[in-house]
Amino acid sequence: MATRQTRLLAHAATAPSTLVLFLWMIVPLAMTLYFSSVRYNLMQPGDKDFLGLANFEFFVTDPDFGPSVVNTLLLLGSVIAITVILGVALALLVNDAFPGRGIVRVLLISPFFVMPTANALLWKHMMMNPIYGVLAQVWLFFGMSPVDWLTDHPLFSVILMVAWQWLPFACLIFITSLQSLDREQMEAARMDGASAIQRFGYLTLPHLGRPMAVVIMIEMIFLLSVFAEIAITTAGGPGNESTNLTYMIFKQSLMNFDVGVASAGALFAVVLANIVAAFLIRIIGKNLD
């Protein structure tokens, strides 16, 4: 049993790393709080008048604010739905043994290791280019006019790019979970006359409940900060049709040079992310009980 001295020694040993981690988190947050309350434009760095909540008011009354929140939620919900549904389907397809299963699994998870910037460039030039892209050639093969995806369907295009990159993550989690599914129980259900749909609904799906909750929580937190795909392909346009909160903050900080408003937007995004995380943790906690 640990004595008081050993506990104090353990705390003293971990204190430096804890302090560094605390400062690493609190210093940027404190600076963001400060900049959000003052007028700080990079074109006039000497002017730092105190504004109170004026920066927040300016951010939420920006014409791009409403569309950016809607686009963020649409991106979030669509990517999660696509990755969970297709991830379960692909995991079921490669769960049983077949020749070359190892190679197929490696190919399935490989897109997750592609950098967001490379992912955006790949889709922009190789897949969605209306002249020489793969999708344009498919459309021409069937006698249809190619679609300029990034102009006509910008948000949908970004959703496809992000979903393609996050699908392997969900698929990997579900494949791992299916390995622990009770085979004897599945075989007994099959011998008792249960159909494939019934076995999936009553055995497989409940077994995947916890992995689904984990995938949804992790993806939702990371998808709130999608930026590279939008910056490289659509630049938030046309207009604000593909602008999310992250890209709106970027426009305020580096395009309008308004650090104060951008900091206010960043704090809004932090609050939104914490609300979402708390909501998901509560749901997952009930799921794991």
C-alpha atoms as a PDB file:
ATOM      1  CA  MET A   1       0.000   0.000   0.000  1.00  0.00           C
ATOM      2  CA  ALA A   2       1.411   3.361  -1.034  1.00  0.00           C
ATOM      3  CA  THR A   3       2.552   5.571   1.815  1.00  0.00           C
ATOM      4  CA  ARG A   4       2.104   9.317   1.983  1.00  0.00           C
ATOM      5  CA  GLN A   5       5.772   9.843   1.107  1.00  0.00           C
ATOM      6  CA  THR A   6       5.580   7.666  -2.016  1.00  0.00           C
ATOM      7  CA  ARG A   7       2.443   9.478  -3.166  1.00  0.00           C
ATOM      8  CA  LEU A   8       4.152  12.833  -2.692  1.00  0.00           C
ATOM      9  CA  LEU A   9       7.180  11.551  -4.589  1.00  0.00           C
ATOM     10  CA  ALA A  10       4.959  10.382  -7.444  1.00  0.00           C
ATOM     11  CA  HIS A  11       3.222  13.772  -7.609  1.00  0.00           C
ATOM     12  CA  ALA A  12       6.578  15.562  -7.561  1.00  0.00           C
ATOM     13  CA  ALA A  13       7.877  13.392 -10.400  1.00  0.00           C
ATOM     14  CA  THR A  14       4.870  14.123 -12.609  1.00  0.00           C
ATOM     15  CA  ALA A  15       4.600  17.811 -11.658  1.00  0.00           C
ATOM     16  CA  PRO A  16       6.932  19.173 -14.397  1.00  0.00           C
ATOM     17  CA  SER A  17       5.116  17.409 -17.234  1.00  0.00           C
ATOM     18  CA  THR A  18       1.755  18.356 -15.742  1.00  0.00           C
ATOM     19  CA  LEU A  19       2.820  21.990 -15.501  1.00  0.00           C
ATOM     20  CA  VAL A  20       4.092  22.019 -19.096  1.00  0.00           C
ATOM     21  CA  LEU A  21       0.849  20.462 -20.328  1.00  0.00           C
ATOM     22  CA  PHE A  22      -1.193  22.960 -18.321  1.00  0.00           C
ATOM     23  CA  LEU A  23       0.756  25.929 -19.717  1.00  0.00           C
ATOM     24  CA  TRP A  24       0.560  24.495 -23.232  1.00  0.00           C
ATOM     25  CA  MET A  25      -3.233  24.526 -22.916  1.00  0.00           C
ATOM     26  CA  ILE A  26      -3.878  27.623 -20.820  1.00  0.00           C
ATOM     27  CA  VAL A  27      -1.514  30.128 -22.466  1.00  0.00           C
ATOM     28  CA  PRO A  28      -3.094  29.961 -25.970  1.00  0.00           C
ATOM     29  CA  LEU A  29      -6.556  30.029 -24.390  1.00  0.00           C
ATOM     30  CA  ALA A  30      -5.674  33.084 -22.294  1.00  0.00           C
ATOM     31  CA  MET A  31      -4.239  34.874 -25.331  1.00  0.00           C
ATOM     32  CA  THR A  32      -7.366  34.065 -27.336  1.00  0.00           C
ATOM     33  CA  LEU A  33      -9.551  35.437 -24.548  1.00  0.00           C
ATOM     34  CA  TYR A  34      -7.489  38.606 -24.488  1.00  0.00           C
ATOM     35  CA  PHE A  35      -7.512  39.164 -28.246  1.00  0.00           C
ATOM     36  CA  SER A  36     -11.264  38.475 -28.398  1.00  0.00           C
ATOM     37  CA  SER A  37     -11.908  41.435 -26.102  1.00  0.00           C
ATOM     38  CA  VAL A  38      -9.781  44.045 -27.910  1.00  0.00           C
ATOM     39  CA  ARG A  39      -9.665  45.694 -31.322  1.00  0.00           C
ATOM     40  CA  TYR A  40      -6.629  44.041 -32.885  1.00  0.00           C
ATOM     41  CA  ASN A  41      -6.177  44.248 -36.634  1.00  0.00           C
ATOM     42  CA  LEU A  42      -2.864  43.224 -38.179  1.00  0.00           C
ATOM     43  CA  MET A  43      -3.027  46.279 -40.437  1.00  0.00           C
ATOM     44  CA  GLN A  44      -3.119  48.470 -37.304  1.00  0.00           C
ATOM     45  CA  PRO A  45      -1.187  46.479 -34.691  1.00  0.00           C
ATOM     46  CA  GLY A  46      -0.791  49.426 -32.336  1.00  0.00           C
ATOM     47  CA  ASP A  47      -4.543  49.907 -31.861  1.00  0.00           C
ATOM     48  CA  LYS A  48      -5.724  47.586 -29.058  1.00  0.00           C
ATOM     49  CA  ASP A  49      -8.756  49.325 -27.561  1.00  0.00           C
ATOM     50  CA  PHE A  50     -10.909  47.264 -25.202  1.00  0.00           C
ATOM     51  CA  LEU A  51     -14.194  46.264 -26.909  1.00  0.00           C
ATOM     52  CA  GLY A  52     -15.802  43.838 -24.472  1.00  0.00           C
ATOM     53  CA  LEU A  53     -18.195  41.560 -26.366  1.00  0.00           C
ATOM     54  CA  ALA A  54     -18.212  43.627 -29.553  1.00  0.00           C
ATOM     55  CA  ASN A  55     -16.044  41.122 -31.424  1.00  0.00           C
ATOM     56  CA  PHE A  56     -18.458  38.309 -30.572  1.00  0.00           C
ATOM     57  CA  GLU A  57     -21.386  40.414 -31.730  1.00  0.00           C
ATOM     58  CA  PHE A  58     -19.618  41.203 -34.986  1.00  0.00           C
ATOM     59  CA  PHE A  59     -18.810  37.512 -35.548  1.00  0.00           C
ATOM     60  CA  VAL A  60     -22.327  36.167 -34.964  1.00  0.00           C
ATOM     61  CA  THR A  61     -23.947  38.954 -37.035  1.00  0.00           C
ATOM     62  CA  ASP A  62     -21.645  38.304 -40.002  1.00  0.00           C
ATOM     63  CA  PRO A  63     -23.707  37.223 -43.056  1.00  0.00           C
ATOM     64  CA  ASP A  64     -21.517  34.112 -43.319  1.00  0.00           C
ATOM     65  CA  PHE A  65     -22.184  32.998 -39.735  1.00  0.00           C
ATOM     66  CA  GLY A  66     -25.571  31.321 -40.250  1.00  0.00           C
ATOM     67  CA  PRO A  67     -24.580  29.454 -43.433  1.00  0.00           C
ATOM     68  CA  SER A  68     -21.263  28.405 -41.884  1.00  0.00           C
ATOM     69  CA  VAL A  69     -23.001  26.857 -38.854  1.00  0.00           C
ATOM     70  CA  VAL A  70     -25.480  25.039 -41.108  1.00  0.00           C
ATOM     71  CA  ASN A  71     -22.678  23.832 -43.391  1.00  0.00           C
ATOM     72  CA  THR A  72     -20.659  22.646 -40.385  1.00  0.00           C
ATOM     73  CA  LEU A  73     -23.591  20.604 -39.082  1.00  0.00           C
ATOM     74  CA  LEU A  74     -24.405  19.214 -42.540  1.00  0.00           C
ATOM     75  CA  LEU A  75     -20.787  18.218 -43.068  1.00  0.00           C
ATOM     76  CA  LEU A  76     -20.675  16.649 -39.635  1.00  0.00           C
ATOM     77  CA  GLY A  77     -23.884  14.652 -39.939  1.00  0.00           C
ATOM     78  CA  SER A  78     -23.344  13.545 -43.533  1.00  0.00           C
ATOM     79  CA  VAL A  79     -19.779  12.310 -43.057  1.00  0.00           C
ATOM     80  CA  ILE A  80     -20.694  10.438 -39.876  1.00  0.00           C
ATOM     81  CA  ALA A  81     -23.708   8.794 -41.539  1.00  0.00           C
ATOM     82  CA  ILE A  82     -21.686   7.765 -44.601  1.00  0.00           C
ATOM     83  CA  THR A  83     -18.732   6.419 -42.640  1.00  0.00           C
ATOM     84  CA  VAL A  84     -20.825   4.486 -40.110  1.00  0.00           C
ATOM     85  CA  ILE A  85     -23.169   2.888 -42.664  1.00  0.00           C
ATOM     86  CA  LEU A  86     -20.527   2.070 -45.275  1.00  0.00           C
ATOM     87  CA  GLY A  87     -17.998   1.188 -42.560  1.00  0.00           C
ATOM     88  CA  VAL A  88     -20.309  -1.486 -41.144  1.00  0.00           C
ATOM     89  CA  ALA A  89     -21.085  -2.790 -44.646  1.00  0.00           C
ATOM     90  CA  LEU A  90     -17.414  -3.036 -45.638  1.00  0.00           C
ATOM     91  CA  ALA A  91     -16.459  -4.594 -42.310  1.00  0.00           C
ATOM     92  CA  LEU A  92     -19.073  -7.303 -42.800  1.00  0.00           C
ATOM     93  CA  LEU A  93     -17.824  -7.949 -46.354  1.00  0.00           C
ATOM     94  CA  VAL A  94     -14.204  -8.524 -45.301  1.00  0.00           C
ATOM     95  CA  ASN A  95     -14.940 -10.197 -41.970  1.00  0.00           C
ATOM     96  CA  ASP A  96     -15.068 -13.744 -43.341  1.00  0.00           C
ATOM     97  CA  ALA A  97     -11.941 -15.367 -44.694  1.00  0.00           C
ATOM     98  CA  PHE A  98     -11.282 -15.256 -48.457  1.00  0.00           C
ATOM     99  CA  PRO A  99      -8.145 -15.290 -50.635  1.00  0.00           C
ATOM    100  CA  GLY A 100      -6.324 -11.963 -50.426  1.00  0.00           C
ATOM    101  CA  ARG A 101      -8.263 -10.705 -47.412  1.00  0.00           C
ATOM    102  CA  GLY A 102      -5.135  -9.219 -45.844  1.00  0.00           C
ATOM    103  CA  ILE A 103      -4.351  -7.164 -48.950  1.00  0.00           C
ATOM    104  CA  VAL A 104      -7.947  -5.974 -49.196  1.00  0.00           C
ATOM    105  CA  ARG A 105      -7.905  -4.838 -45.569  1.00  0.00           C
ATOM    106  CA  VAL A 106      -4.689  -2.892 -46.103  1.00  0.00           C
ATOM    107  CA  LEU A 107      -6.185  -1.194 -49.163  1.00  0.00           C
ATOM    108  CA  LEU A 108      -9.341  -0.364 -47.201  1.00  0.00           C
ATOM    109  CA  ILE A 109      -7.530   1.456 -44.403  1.00  0.00           C
ATOM    110  CA  SER A 110      -4.841   3.136 -46.541  1.00  0.00           C
ATOM    111  CA  PRO A 111      -6.861   6.314 -47.363  1.00  0.00           C
ATOM    112  CA  PHE A 112      -6.872   7.204 -43.679  1.00  0.00           C
ATOM    113  CA  PHE A 113      -3.113   7.802 -43.832  1.00  0.00           C
ATOM    114  CA  VAL A 114      -3.375  10.275 -46.710  1.00  0.00           C
ATOM    115  CA  MET A 115      -2.791  13.856 -45.560  1.00  0.00           C
ATOM    116  CA  PRO A 116      -5.858  16.136 -45.868  1.00  0.00           C
ATOM    117  CA  THR A 117      -4.000  18.389 -48.300  1.00  0.00           C
ATOM    118  CA  ALA A 118      -3.067  15.471 -50.565  1.00  0.00           C
ATOM    119  CA  ASN A 119      -6.608  14.134 -50.250  1.00  0.00           C
ATOM    120  CA  ALA A 120      -8.054  17.464 -51.425  1.00  0.00           C
ATOM    121  CA  LEU A 121      -5.640  17.731 -54.352  1.00  0.00           C
ATOM    122  CA  LEU A 122      -6.364  14.152 -55.405  1.00  0.00           C
ATOM    123  CA  TRP A 123     -10.118  14.711 -55.519  1.00  0.00           C
ATOM    124  CA  LYS A 124      -9.831  18.165 -57.057  1.00  0.00           C
ATOM    125  CA  HIS A 125      -7.591  17.210 -59.984  1.00  0.00           C
ATOM    126  CA  MET A 126      -7.906  13.452 -60.443  1.00  0.00           C
ATOM    127  CA  MET A 127     -11.541  12.753 -59.592  1.00  0.00           C
ATOM    128  CA  MET A 128     -13.675  15.898 -59.919  1.00  0.00           C
ATOM    129  CA  ASN A 129     -12.024  17.904 -62.684  1.00  0.00           C
ATOM    130  CA  PRO A 130     -14.820  18.530 -65.243  1.00  0.00           C
ATOM    131  CA  ILE A 131     -12.452  18.020 -68.214  1.00  0.00           C
ATOM    132  CA  TYR A 132     -10.035  15.193 -67.451  1.00  0.00           C
ATOM    133  CA  GLY A 133     -11.262  13.873 -64.093  1.00  0.00           C
ATOM    134  CA  VAL A 134     -12.272  10.261 -63.560  1.00  0.00           C
ATOM    135  CA  LEU A 135     -15.885  11.188 -62.846  1.00  0.00           C
ATOM    136  CA  ALA A 136     -16.023  13.321 -66.006  1.00  0.00           C
ATOM    137  CA  GLN A 137     -14.819  10.350 -68.067  1.00  0.00           C
ATOM    138  CA  VAL A 138     -17.451   8.121 -66.478  1.00  0.00           C
ATOM    139  CA  TRP A 139     -20.157  10.657 -67.325  1.00  0.00           C
ATOM    140  CA  LEU A 140     -18.915  10.861 -70.927  1.00  0.00           C
ATOM    141  CA  PHE A 141     -18.838   7.059 -71.207  1.00  0.00           C
ATOM    142  CA  PHE A 142     -22.559   6.963 -70.420  1.00  0.00           C
ATOM    143  CA  GLY A 143     -23.285   9.829 -72.819  1.00  0.00           C
ATOM    144  CA  MET A 144     -23.902  12.477 -70.168  1.00  0.00           C
ATOM    145  CA  SER A 145     -22.404  15.943 -69.725  1.00  0.00           C
ATOM    146  CA  PRO A 146     -19.626  16.087 -67.095  1.00  0.00           C
ATOM    147  CA  VAL A 147     -20.452  17.827 -63.832  1.00  0.00           C
ATOM    148  CA  ASP A 148     -18.315  20.635 -62.404  1.00  0.00           C
ATOM    149  CA  TRP A 149     -18.595  19.247 -58.905  1.00  0.00           C
ATOM    150  CA  LEU A 150     -16.686  21.936 -57.020  1.00  0.00           C
ATOM    151  CA  THR A 151     -18.773  24.706 -58.581  1.00  0.00           C
ATOM    152  CA  ASP A 152     -22.211  23.118 -58.848  1.00  0.00           C
ATOM    153  CA  HIS A 153     -22.121  20.952 -55.692  1.00  0.00           C
ATOM    154  CA  PRO A 154     -19.341  22.379 -53.482  1.00  0.00           C
ATOM    155  CA  LEU A 155     -20.492  21.189 -50.061  1.00  0.00           C
ATOM    156  CA  PHE A 156     -21.400  17.739 -51.354  1.00  0.00           C
ATOM    157  CA  SER A 157     -17.952  17.496 -52.940  1.00  0.00           C
ATOM    158  CA  VAL A 158     -16.248  18.344 -49.643  1.00  0.00           C
ATOM    159  CA  ILE A 159     -18.425  15.770 -47.865  1.00  0.00           C
ATOM    160  CA  LEU A 160     -17.287  13.088 -50.335  1.00  0.00           C
ATOM    161  CA  MET A 161     -13.617  13.971 -49.836  1.00  0.00           C
ATOM    162  CA  VAL A 162     -13.791  13.938 -46.056  1.00  0.00           C
ATOM    163  CA  ALA A 163     -15.960  10.794 -45.933  1.00  0.00           C
ATOM    164  CA  TRP A 164     -13.492   8.953 -48.205  1.00  0.00           C
ATOM    165  CA  GLN A 165     -10.684   9.740 -45.780  1.00  0.00           C
ATOM    166  CA  TRP A 166     -12.559   8.876 -42.586  1.00  0.00           C
ATOM    167  CA  LEU A 167     -14.299   5.740 -43.890  1.00  0.00           C
ATOM    168  CA  PRO A 168     -11.204   3.542 -43.331  1.00  0.00           C
ATOM    169  CA  PHE A 169     -11.051   4.632 -39.686  1.00  0.00           C
ATOM    170  CA  ALA A 170     -14.634   3.523 -39.065  1.00  0.00           C
ATOM    171  CA  CYS A 171     -14.103   0.354 -41.087  1.00  0.00           C
ATOM    172  CA  LEU A 172     -10.994  -0.563 -39.070  1.00  0.00           C
ATOM    173  CA  ILE A 173     -12.820  -0.122 -35.755  1.00  0.00           C
ATOM    174  CA  PHE A 174     -15.752  -2.251 -36.931  1.00  0.00           C
ATOM    175  CA  ILE A 175     -13.499  -4.977 -38.368  1.00  0.00           C
ATOM    176  CA  THR A 176     -11.682  -5.210 -35.039  1.00  0.00           C
ATOM    177  CA  SER A 177     -14.976  -5.387 -33.158  1.00  0.00           C
ATOM    178  CA  LEU A 178     -16.388  -8.118 -35.399  1.00  0.00           C
ATOM    179  CA  GLN A 179     -13.400 -10.321 -34.534  1.00  0.00           C
ATOM    180  CA  SER A 180     -14.754 -10.590 -30.981  1.00  0.00           C
ATOM    181  CA  LEU A 181     -18.288 -11.520 -32.055  1.00  0.00           C
ATOM    182  CA  ASP A 182     -19.356 -14.910 -30.649  1.00  0.00           C
ATOM    183  CA  ARG A 183     -19.206 -17.262 -33.642  1.00  0.00           C
ATOM    184  CA  GLU A 184     -20.932 -20.072 -31.800  1.00  0.00           C
ATOM    185  CA  GLN A 185     -23.882 -17.831 -31.001  1.00  0.00           C
ATOM    186  CA  MET A 186     -24.137 -16.769 -34.639  1.00  0.00           C
ATOM    187  CA  GLU A 187     -23.989 -20.382 -35.805  1.00  0.00           C
ATOM    188  CA  ALA A 188     -26.627 -21.390 -33.266  1.00  0.00           C
ATOM    189  CA  ALA A 189     -28.909 -18.613 -34.479  1.00  0.00           C
ATOM    190  CA  ARG A 190     -28.405 -19.722 -38.089  1.00  0.00           C
ATOM    191  CA  MET A 191     -29.197 -23.338 -37.244  1.00  0.00           C
ATOM    192  CA  ASP A 192     -32.343 -22.213 -35.410  1.00  0.00           C
ATOM    193  CA  GLY A 193     -33.590 -20.668 -38.660  1.00  0.00           C
ATOM    194  CA  ALA A 194     -32.701 -17.016 -38.126  1.00  0.00           C
ATOM    195  CA  SER A 195     -32.226 -15.186 -41.423  1.00  0.00           C
ATOM    196  CA  ALA A 196     -29.173 -13.090 -42.237  1.00  0.00           C
ATOM    197  CA  ILE A 197     -31.162  -9.906 -41.570  1.00  0.00           C
ATOM    198  CA  GLN A 198     -32.332 -11.234 -38.215  1.00  0.00           C
ATOM    199  CA  ARG A 199     -28.803 -12.271 -37.207  1.00  0.00           C
ATOM    200  CA  PHE A 200     -27.558  -8.813 -38.157  1.00  0.00           C
ATOM    201  CA  GLY A 201     -30.343  -6.970 -36.320  1.00  0.00           C
ATOM    202  CA  TYR A 202     -30.318  -9.029 -33.111  1.00  0.00           C
ATOM    203  CA  LEU A 203     -26.668 -10.062 -32.799  1.00  0.00           C
ATOM    204  CA  THR A 204     -24.252  -8.108 -35.003  1.00  0.00           C
ATOM    205  CA  LEU A 205     -25.749  -4.626 -34.647  1.00  0.00           C
ATOM    206  CA  PRO A 206     -25.999  -4.676 -30.821  1.00  0.00           C
ATOM    207  CA  HIS A 207     -22.427  -5.970 -30.710  1.00  0.00           C
ATOM    208  CA  LEU A 208     -21.305  -2.970 -32.801  1.00  0.00           C
ATOM    209  CA  GLY A 209     -23.133  -0.454 -30.585  1.00  0.00           C
ATOM    210  CA  ARG A 210     -20.104   0.570 -28.542  1.00  0.00           C
ATOM    211  CA  PRO A 211     -17.703   0.833 -31.510  1.00  0.00           C
ATOM    212  CA  MET A 212     -20.291   2.961 -33.327  1.00  0.00           C
ATOM    213  CA  ALA A 213     -20.513   5.306 -30.354  1.00  0.00           C
ATOM    214  CA  VAL A 214     -16.720   5.641 -30.216  1.00  0.00           C
ATOM    215  CA  VAL A 215     -16.464   6.280 -33.975  1.00  0.00           C
ATOM    216  CA  ILE A 216     -19.193   8.918 -33.834  1.00  0.00           C
ATOM    217  CA  MET A 217     -17.581  10.728 -30.890  1.00  0.00           C
ATOM    218  CA  ILE A 218     -14.068  10.792 -32.356  1.00  0.00           C
ATOM    219  CA  GLU A 219     -15.225  11.797 -35.828  1.00  0.00           C
ATOM    220  CA  MET A 220     -17.528  14.520 -34.555  1.00  0.00           C
ATOM    221  CA  ILE A 221     -14.746  16.175 -32.573  1.00  0.00           C
ATOM    222  CA  PHE A 222     -12.265  16.108 -35.457  1.00  0.00           C
ATOM    223  CA  LEU A 223     -14.770  17.015 -38.188  1.00  0.00           C
ATOM    224  CA  LEU A 224     -15.572  20.298 -36.463  1.00  0.00           C
ATOM    225  CA  SER A 225     -12.144  21.507 -37.619  1.00  0.00           C
ATOM    226  CA  VAL A 226     -12.182  20.460 -41.295  1.00  0.00           C
ATOM    227  CA  PHE A 227     -10.158  23.061 -43.180  1.00  0.00           C
ATOM    228  CA  ALA A 228      -7.664  21.788 -45.772  1.00  0.00           C
ATOM    229  CA  GLU A 229     -10.269  20.223 -48.062  1.00  0.00           C
ATOM    230  CA  ILE A 230     -12.247  23.472 -48.192  1.00  0.00           C
ATOM    231  CA  ALA A 231      -9.250  25.801 -48.510  1.00  0.00           C
ATOM    232  CA  ILE A 232      -7.692  23.869 -51.394  1.00  0.00           C
ATOM    233  CA  THR A 233     -10.795  22.971 -53.400  1.00  0.00           C
ATOM    234  CA  THR A 234     -13.631  25.482 -52.998  1.00  0.00           C
ATOM    235  CA  ALA A 235     -12.187  28.295 -50.812  1.00  0.00           C
ATOM    236  CA  GLY A 236     -15.547  28.348 -49.041  1.00  0.00           C
ATOM    237  CA  GLY A 237     -17.451  29.175 -52.221  1.00  0.00           C
ATOM    238  CA  PRO A 238     -19.128  29.760 -54.461  1.00  0.00           C
ATOM    239  CA  GLY A 239     -20.239  32.537 -52.138  1.00  0.00           C
ATOM    240  CA  ASN A 240     -20.494  30.855 -48.733  1.00  0.00           C
ATOM    241  CA  GLU A 241     -21.982  27.547 -49.906  1.00  0.00           C
ATOM    242  CA  SER A 242     -19.096  25.472 -48.533  1.00  0.00           C
ATOM    243  CA  THR A 243     -17.867  27.754 -45.743  1.00  0.00           C
ATOM    244  CA  ASN A 244     -17.753  26.117 -42.318  1.00  0.00           C
ATOM    245  CA  LEU A 245     -16.884  27.705 -38.974  1.00  0.00           C
ATOM    246  CA  THR A 246     -13.198  26.851 -39.264  1.00  0.00           C
ATOM    247  CA  TYR A 247     -12.861  28.453 -42.678  1.00  0.00           C
ATOM    248  CA  MET A 248     -14.882  31.478 -41.572  1.00  0.00           C
ATOM    249  CA  ILE A 249     -12.426  32.007 -38.689  1.00  0.00           C
ATOM    250  CA  PHE A 250      -9.566  31.699 -41.168  1.00  0.00           C
ATOM    251  CA  LYS A 251     -11.097  34.377 -43.384  1.00  0.00           C
ATOM    252  CA  GLN A 252     -11.473  36.752 -40.465  1.00  0.00           C
ATOM    253  CA  SER A 253      -7.898  36.222 -39.231  1.00  0.00           C
ATOM    254  CA  LEU A 254      -5.744  35.896 -42.348  1.00  0.00           C
ATOM    255  CA  MET A 255      -7.874  37.443 -45.087  1.00  0.00           C
ATOM    256  CA  ASN A 256      -9.459  40.311 -43.160  1.00  0.00           C
ATOM    257  CA  PHE A 257      -6.476  40.564 -40.753  1.00  0.00           C
ATOM    258  CA  ASP A 258      -8.919  40.902 -37.841  1.00  0.00           C
ATOM    259  CA  VAL A 259      -7.382  38.890 -35.026  1.00  0.00           C
ATOM    260  CA  GLY A 260      -9.963  40.090 -32.498  1.00  0.00           C
ATOM    261  CA  VAL A 261     -12.988  38.806 -34.412  1.00  0.00           C
ATOM    262  CA  ALA A 262     -11.156  35.606 -35.353  1.00  0.00           C
ATOM    263  CA  SER A 263     -10.358  34.975 -31.671  1.00  0.00           C
ATOM    264  CA  ALA A 264     -14.015  35.486 -30.783  1.00  0.00           C
ATOM    265  CA  GLY A 265     -14.940  32.969 -33.471  1.00  0.00           C
ATOM    266  CA  ALA A 266     -12.354  30.527 -32.172  1.00  0.00           C
ATOM    267  CA  LEU A 267     -13.848  30.717 -28.673  1.00  0.00           C
ATOM    268  CA  PHE A 268     -17.296  30.130 -30.139  1.00  0.00           C
ATOM    269  CA  ALA A 269     -15.943  27.026 -31.912  1.00  0.00           C
ATOM    270  CA  VAL A 270     -14.330  25.811 -28.656  1.00  0.00           C
ATOM    271  CA  VAL A 271     -17.625  26.193 -26.784  1.00  0.00           C
ATOM    272  CA  LEU A 272     -19.482  24.372 -29.568  1.00  0.00           C
ATOM    273  CA  ALA A 273     -16.935  21.540 -29.559  1.00  0.00           C
ATOM    274  CA  ASN A 274     -17.196  21.157 -25.776  1.00  0.00           C
ATOM    275  CA  ILE A 275     -20.988  21.087 -25.909  1.00  0.00           C
ATOM    276  CA  VAL A 276     -20.878  18.402 -28.586  1.00  0.00           C
ATOM    277  CA  ALA A 277     -18.234  16.426 -26.679  1.00  0.00           C
ATOM    278  CA  ALA A 278     -20.203  16.585 -23.405  1.00  0.00           C
ATOM    279  CA  PHE A 279     -23.359  15.493 -25.207  1.00  0.00           C
ATOM    280  CA  LEU A 280     -21.602  12.570 -26.863  1.00  0.00           C
ATOM    281  CA  ILE A 281     -19.812  11.487 -23.683  1.00  0.00           C
ATOM    282  CA  ARG A 282     -23.180  11.359 -21.924  1.00  0.00           C
ATOM    283  CA  ILE A 283     -24.662   9.233 -24.712  1.00  0.00           C
ATOM    284  CA  ILE A 284     -21.650   6.930 -24.880  1.00  0.00           C
ATOM    285  CA  GLY A 285     -21.619   6.607 -21.100  1.00  0.00           C
ATOM    286  CA  LYS A 286     -25.199   5.331 -21.192  1.00  0.00           C
ATOM    287  CA  ASN A 287     -24.263   2.998 -24.047  1.00  0.00           C
ATOM    288  CA  LEU A 288     -21.385   1.520 -22.078  1.00  0.00           C
ATOM    289  CA  ASP A 289     -23.387   0.934 -18.899  1.00  0.00           C
END
